[in-house]
Amino acid sequence: MPTDAPPLDAPRFAYTGDAALEPEVLRALRRVVDPEMAVSIVELGLVYAVAVADDAVHARITMTSPACPVTELIVEDVVHELGKALDRSVEVEVVWDPPWTPERMSERARKALEGE
């Protein structure tokens, strides 16, 4: 049976807003997959923060590289998934500080990328 709880080693991100909505935010973001790596942006550690207000959501994410060719696609997917899940307008801010490092990935993501 699937669980809403992240694996114990899943990367965490800062969350502000109604605590009852946090599991839905997590589920929505897990549906966003980096098409080059076939791993969710949550497991890759690309999500830095999500703030949910009454009528809007603000997400701060990063990419594995500033030259990432799928940045726009990932941003569009985040807007779509969070907007659909929470019925709010969504703004996504792509940030480069702090820079992403492989240490942000979950063990599950590492194994997936290693083909295990």
N, C-alpha and C. Protein backbone atom coordinates (compact mmCIF):
# COMPACT_ATOMS: atom_id res chain seq x y z
N MET A 1 0.84 -1.18 0.00
CA MET A 1 0.00 0.00 0.00
C MET A 1 0.88 1.24 0.00
N PRO A 2 0.67 2.19 -0.95
CA PRO A 2 1.52 3.36 -1.01
C PRO A 2 1.34 4.23 0.23
N THR A 3 2.40 4.91 0.57
CA THR A 3 2.36 5.79 1.74
C THR A 3 2.67 7.22 1.32
N ASP A 4 2.13 8.17 2.05
CA ASP A 4 2.42 9.57 1.78
C ASP A 4 3.73 10.00 2.42
N ALA A 5 4.20 9.22 3.36
CA ALA A 5 5.42 9.57 4.07
C ALA A 5 6.62 9.39 3.16
N PRO A 6 7.55 10.35 3.19
CA PRO A 6 8.75 10.18 2.38
C PRO A 6 9.63 9.10 2.99
N PRO A 7 10.50 8.49 2.18
CA PRO A 7 11.46 7.57 2.77
C PRO A 7 12.26 8.31 3.83
N LEU A 8 12.82 7.58 4.75
CA LEU A 8 13.55 8.22 5.85
C LEU A 8 14.68 9.11 5.35
N ASP A 9 15.27 8.76 4.21
CA ASP A 9 16.39 9.55 3.72
C ASP A 9 15.98 10.56 2.65
N ALA A 10 14.68 10.73 2.41
CA ALA A 10 14.23 11.64 1.36
C ALA A 10 14.66 13.07 1.69
N PRO A 11 15.09 13.81 0.67
CA PRO A 11 15.44 15.20 0.91
C PRO A 11 14.24 15.97 1.44
N ARG A 12 14.46 16.84 2.36
CA ARG A 12 13.39 17.66 2.93
C ARG A 12 13.50 19.06 2.36
N PHE A 13 12.39 19.75 2.34
CA PHE A 13 12.40 21.14 1.91
C PHE A 13 11.60 21.95 2.91
N ALA A 14 11.88 23.23 2.95
CA ALA A 14 11.17 24.12 3.87
C ALA A 14 9.73 24.25 3.40
N TYR A 15 8.79 24.13 4.33
CA TYR A 15 7.37 24.25 3.99
C TYR A 15 6.72 25.22 4.96
N THR A 16 5.97 26.17 4.40
CA THR A 16 5.15 27.05 5.24
C THR A 16 3.75 27.05 4.67
N GLY A 17 2.79 27.10 5.56
CA GLY A 17 1.39 27.08 5.16
C GLY A 17 0.61 26.10 6.01
N ASP A 18 -0.60 25.82 5.60
CA ASP A 18 -1.48 24.90 6.30
C ASP A 18 -0.83 23.52 6.36
N ALA A 19 -0.56 23.04 7.56
CA ALA A 19 0.10 21.74 7.73
C ALA A 19 -0.70 20.60 7.11
N ALA A 20 -2.01 20.74 7.06
CA ALA A 20 -2.85 19.69 6.48
C ALA A 20 -2.62 19.55 4.98
N LEU A 21 -2.08 20.58 4.33
CA LEU A 21 -1.84 20.54 2.89
C LEU A 21 -0.46 20.00 2.53
N GLU A 22 0.44 19.89 3.50
CA GLU A 22 1.81 19.48 3.20
C GLU A 22 1.88 18.11 2.52
N PRO A 23 1.13 17.09 2.95
CA PRO A 23 1.19 15.81 2.24
C PRO A 23 0.75 15.92 0.77
N GLU A 24 -0.23 16.76 0.50
CA GLU A 24 -0.69 16.95 -0.89
C GLU A 24 0.38 17.66 -1.71
N VAL A 25 1.07 18.62 -1.10
CA VAL A 25 2.18 19.30 -1.77
C VAL A 25 3.26 18.28 -2.12
N LEU A 26 3.60 17.44 -1.17
CA LEU A 26 4.62 16.42 -1.40
C LEU A 26 4.20 15.47 -2.52
N ARG A 27 2.96 15.00 -2.50
CA ARG A 27 2.47 14.11 -3.56
C ARG A 27 2.55 14.79 -4.93
N ALA A 28 2.12 16.05 -4.98
CA ALA A 28 2.14 16.78 -6.25
C ALA A 28 3.56 16.93 -6.79
N LEU A 29 4.49 17.28 -5.92
CA LEU A 29 5.87 17.47 -6.37
C LEU A 29 6.53 16.15 -6.74
N ARG A 30 6.13 15.07 -6.11
CA ARG A 30 6.68 13.76 -6.50
C ARG A 30 6.22 13.34 -7.89
N ARG A 31 5.14 13.91 -8.38
CA ARG A 31 4.69 13.60 -9.74
C ARG A 31 5.51 14.35 -10.80
N VAL A 32 6.33 15.30 -10.37
CA VAL A 32 7.20 16.03 -11.29
C VAL A 32 8.52 15.28 -11.39
N VAL A 33 8.79 14.77 -12.57
CA VAL A 33 9.96 13.93 -12.79
C VAL A 33 10.92 14.64 -13.74
N ASP A 34 12.20 14.64 -13.39
CA ASP A 34 13.22 15.16 -14.29
C ASP A 34 13.31 14.19 -15.46
N PRO A 35 12.94 14.61 -16.67
CA PRO A 35 12.90 13.68 -17.79
C PRO A 35 14.26 13.13 -18.20
N GLU A 36 15.32 13.84 -17.87
CA GLU A 36 16.65 13.34 -18.21
C GLU A 36 17.10 12.24 -17.25
N MET A 37 16.62 12.28 -16.02
CA MET A 37 17.07 11.32 -15.01
C MET A 37 15.99 10.32 -14.61
N ALA A 38 14.74 10.59 -14.98
CA ALA A 38 13.61 9.72 -14.65
C ALA A 38 13.45 9.52 -13.14
N VAL A 39 13.70 10.58 -12.39
CA VAL A 39 13.58 10.58 -10.93
C VAL A 39 12.83 11.85 -10.54
N SER A 40 11.99 11.77 -9.50
CA SER A 40 11.22 12.94 -9.09
C SER A 40 12.13 14.05 -8.57
N ILE A 41 11.66 15.28 -8.73
CA ILE A 41 12.46 16.41 -8.27
C ILE A 41 12.59 16.42 -6.75
N VAL A 42 11.67 15.79 -6.05
CA VAL A 42 11.79 15.68 -4.59
C VAL A 42 12.95 14.76 -4.25
N GLU A 43 13.00 13.60 -4.87
CA GLU A 43 14.07 12.63 -4.59
C GLU A 43 15.44 13.17 -5.03
N LEU A 44 15.45 13.99 -6.08
CA LEU A 44 16.71 14.59 -6.52
C LEU A 44 17.17 15.72 -5.61
N GLY A 45 16.29 16.20 -4.74
CA GLY A 45 16.65 17.30 -3.85
C GLY A 45 16.62 18.65 -4.54
N LEU A 46 15.78 18.78 -5.58
CA LEU A 46 15.70 20.03 -6.32
C LEU A 46 14.74 21.04 -5.70
N VAL A 47 13.92 20.61 -4.76
CA VAL A 47 12.94 21.51 -4.13
C VAL A 47 13.56 22.08 -2.86
N TYR A 48 13.66 23.40 -2.79
CA TYR A 48 14.22 24.06 -1.62
C TYR A 48 13.14 24.53 -0.65
N ALA A 49 12.03 25.05 -1.18
CA ALA A 49 11.00 25.59 -0.30
C ALA A 49 9.67 25.69 -1.02
N VAL A 50 8.60 25.55 -0.25
CA VAL A 50 7.24 25.76 -0.76
C VAL A 50 6.48 26.53 0.31
N ALA A 51 5.82 27.61 -0.13
CA ALA A 51 4.97 28.41 0.76
C ALA A 51 3.57 28.43 0.18
N VAL A 52 2.60 27.99 0.98
CA VAL A 52 1.21 27.95 0.54
C VAL A 52 0.43 29.02 1.30
N ALA A 53 -0.22 29.90 0.55
CA ALA A 53 -1.10 30.92 1.12
C ALA A 53 -2.53 30.60 0.71
N ASP A 54 -3.46 31.44 1.13
CA ASP A 54 -4.88 31.20 0.83
C ASP A 54 -5.17 31.09 -0.66
N ASP A 55 -4.48 31.91 -1.46
CA ASP A 55 -4.80 31.93 -2.89
C ASP A 55 -3.61 31.67 -3.80
N ALA A 56 -2.44 31.38 -3.24
CA ALA A 56 -1.25 31.22 -4.07
C ALA A 56 -0.25 30.27 -3.43
N VAL A 57 0.61 29.75 -4.29
CA VAL A 57 1.71 28.88 -3.86
C VAL A 57 2.99 29.45 -4.46
N HIS A 58 4.03 29.51 -3.66
CA HIS A 58 5.35 29.94 -4.15
C HIS A 58 6.32 28.79 -3.90
N ALA A 59 6.96 28.33 -4.96
CA ALA A 59 7.94 27.24 -4.83
C ALA A 59 9.31 27.74 -5.25
N ARG A 60 10.32 27.40 -4.44
CA ARG A 60 11.71 27.69 -4.78
C ARG A 60 12.37 26.37 -5.12
N ILE A 61 12.86 26.26 -6.35
CA ILE A 61 13.51 25.03 -6.79
C ILE A 61 14.83 25.37 -7.45
N THR A 62 15.63 24.36 -7.68
CA THR A 62 16.87 24.53 -8.41
C THR A 62 16.96 23.43 -9.45
N MET A 63 18.00 23.46 -10.22
CA MET A 63 18.28 22.41 -11.20
C MET A 63 19.66 21.85 -10.89
N THR A 64 19.96 20.73 -11.50
CA THR A 64 21.28 20.12 -11.25
C THR A 64 22.39 20.95 -11.87
N SER A 65 22.04 21.80 -12.84
CA SER A 65 23.03 22.64 -13.52
C SER A 65 22.33 23.86 -14.10
N PRO A 66 22.99 25.02 -14.12
CA PRO A 66 22.39 26.19 -14.76
C PRO A 66 22.15 25.96 -16.26
N ALA A 67 22.84 25.00 -16.85
CA ALA A 67 22.67 24.71 -18.27
C ALA A 67 21.62 23.63 -18.52
N CYS A 68 20.84 23.29 -17.51
CA CYS A 68 19.83 22.23 -17.63
C CYS A 68 18.87 22.55 -18.79
N PRO A 69 18.78 21.66 -19.78
CA PRO A 69 17.92 21.93 -20.93
C PRO A 69 16.43 21.73 -20.67
N VAL A 70 16.06 21.18 -19.51
CA VAL A 70 14.65 20.92 -19.23
C VAL A 70 14.09 21.80 -18.11
N THR A 71 14.78 22.88 -17.80
CA THR A 71 14.32 23.78 -16.74
C THR A 71 12.89 24.24 -16.97
N GLU A 72 12.60 24.74 -18.17
CA GLU A 72 11.27 25.26 -18.46
C GLU A 72 10.20 24.17 -18.32
N LEU A 73 10.50 22.98 -18.78
CA LEU A 73 9.55 21.87 -18.68
C LEU A 73 9.27 21.52 -17.22
N ILE A 74 10.31 21.47 -16.40
CA ILE A 74 10.13 21.15 -14.99
C ILE A 74 9.32 22.24 -14.30
N VAL A 75 9.62 23.50 -14.59
CA VAL A 75 8.85 24.61 -14.00
C VAL A 75 7.38 24.49 -14.40
N GLU A 76 7.11 24.22 -15.67
CA GLU A 76 5.72 24.06 -16.12
C GLU A 76 5.03 22.91 -15.39
N ASP A 77 5.75 21.81 -15.19
CA ASP A 77 5.17 20.67 -14.49
C ASP A 77 4.88 21.00 -13.03
N VAL A 78 5.77 21.75 -12.38
CA VAL A 78 5.53 22.15 -10.99
C VAL A 78 4.29 23.03 -10.91
N VAL A 79 4.18 24.00 -11.81
CA VAL A 79 3.01 24.88 -11.84
C VAL A 79 1.75 24.05 -12.03
N HIS A 80 1.78 23.13 -12.98
CA HIS A 80 0.60 22.31 -13.27
C HIS A 80 0.22 21.43 -12.08
N GLU A 81 1.17 20.69 -11.53
CA GLU A 81 0.87 19.73 -10.46
C GLU A 81 0.42 20.43 -9.17
N LEU A 82 1.12 21.49 -8.77
CA LEU A 82 0.71 22.19 -7.55
C LEU A 82 -0.61 22.92 -7.76
N GLY A 83 -0.79 23.51 -8.93
CA GLY A 83 -2.05 24.21 -9.21
C GLY A 83 -3.23 23.26 -9.20
N LYS A 84 -3.04 22.09 -9.80
CA LYS A 84 -4.12 21.09 -9.85
C LYS A 84 -4.41 20.55 -8.45
N ALA A 85 -3.38 20.29 -7.67
CA ALA A 85 -3.56 19.70 -6.35
C ALA A 85 -4.17 20.67 -5.34
N LEU A 86 -3.80 21.95 -5.44
CA LEU A 86 -4.20 22.91 -4.41
C LEU A 86 -5.21 23.95 -4.90
N ASP A 87 -5.50 23.96 -6.18
CA ASP A 87 -6.44 24.92 -6.75
C ASP A 87 -6.06 26.36 -6.38
N ARG A 88 -4.80 26.67 -6.62
CA ARG A 88 -4.28 28.01 -6.35
C ARG A 88 -3.35 28.40 -7.49
N SER A 89 -3.09 29.69 -7.63
CA SER A 89 -2.08 30.12 -8.59
C SER A 89 -0.72 29.72 -8.05
N VAL A 90 0.21 29.44 -8.95
CA VAL A 90 1.52 28.95 -8.55
C VAL A 90 2.61 29.79 -9.20
N GLU A 91 3.56 30.21 -8.40
CA GLU A 91 4.75 30.90 -8.89
C GLU A 91 5.94 30.03 -8.54
N VAL A 92 6.80 29.81 -9.53
CA VAL A 92 8.01 29.01 -9.30
C VAL A 92 9.22 29.91 -9.51
N GLU A 93 10.09 29.90 -8.53
CA GLU A 93 11.33 30.66 -8.59
C GLU A 93 12.48 29.66 -8.70
N VAL A 94 13.25 29.76 -9.78
CA VAL A 94 14.42 28.90 -9.94
C VAL A 94 15.61 29.66 -9.35
N VAL A 95 16.28 29.03 -8.40
CA VAL A 95 17.40 29.67 -7.71
C VAL A 95 18.67 28.85 -7.89
N TRP A 96 19.80 29.51 -7.77
CA TRP A 96 21.09 28.83 -7.93
C TRP A 96 21.93 28.89 -6.66
N ASP A 97 21.40 29.53 -5.64
CA ASP A 97 22.13 29.64 -4.39
C ASP A 97 21.20 29.19 -3.27
N PRO A 98 21.53 28.15 -2.55
CA PRO A 98 22.77 27.38 -2.67
C PRO A 98 22.74 26.48 -3.90
N PRO A 99 23.90 26.21 -4.46
CA PRO A 99 23.95 25.35 -5.63
C PRO A 99 23.57 23.91 -5.26
N TRP A 100 22.95 23.22 -6.21
CA TRP A 100 22.60 21.82 -6.01
C TRP A 100 23.88 20.99 -5.99
N THR A 101 23.90 19.99 -5.13
CA THR A 101 24.99 19.01 -5.11
C THR A 101 24.37 17.62 -5.02
N PRO A 102 25.08 16.58 -5.47
CA PRO A 102 24.54 15.23 -5.41
C PRO A 102 24.19 14.78 -3.99
N GLU A 103 24.77 15.40 -2.98
CA GLU A 103 24.46 15.03 -1.60
C GLU A 103 23.00 15.33 -1.25
N ARG A 104 22.33 16.15 -2.03
CA ARG A 104 20.92 16.47 -1.77
C ARG A 104 19.99 15.33 -2.18
N MET A 105 20.49 14.39 -3.00
CA MET A 105 19.65 13.29 -3.47
C MET A 105 19.38 12.28 -2.37
N SER A 106 18.22 11.64 -2.46
CA SER A 106 17.91 10.55 -1.55
C SER A 106 18.67 9.30 -1.98
N GLU A 107 18.75 8.34 -1.09
CA GLU A 107 19.38 7.06 -1.43
C GLU A 107 18.61 6.39 -2.56
N ARG A 108 17.29 6.52 -2.54
CA ARG A 108 16.45 5.95 -3.61
C ARG A 108 16.85 6.54 -4.97
N ALA A 109 17.08 7.84 -5.02
CA ALA A 109 17.48 8.48 -6.28
C ALA A 109 18.85 8.00 -6.72
N ARG A 110 19.77 7.89 -5.77
CA ARG A 110 21.12 7.40 -6.11
C ARG A 110 21.05 6.01 -6.73
N LYS A 111 20.27 5.14 -6.10
CA LYS A 111 20.15 3.77 -6.61
C LYS A 111 19.49 3.75 -7.98
N ALA A 112 18.49 4.59 -8.18
CA ALA A 112 17.81 4.64 -9.48
C ALA A 112 18.78 5.09 -10.57
N LEU A 113 19.61 6.07 -10.26
CA LEU A 113 20.56 6.57 -11.25
C LEU A 113 21.69 5.59 -11.50
N GLU A 114 21.97 4.75 -10.52
CA GLU A 114 23.01 3.73 -10.69
C GLU A 114 22.46 2.47 -11.35
N GLY A 115 21.15 2.44 -11.57
CA GLY A 115 20.53 1.30 -12.24
C GLY A 115 20.26 0.12 -11.34
N GLU A 116 20.19 0.34 -10.05
CA GLU A 116 19.91 -0.76 -9.12
C GLU A 116 18.43 -1.00 -8.99
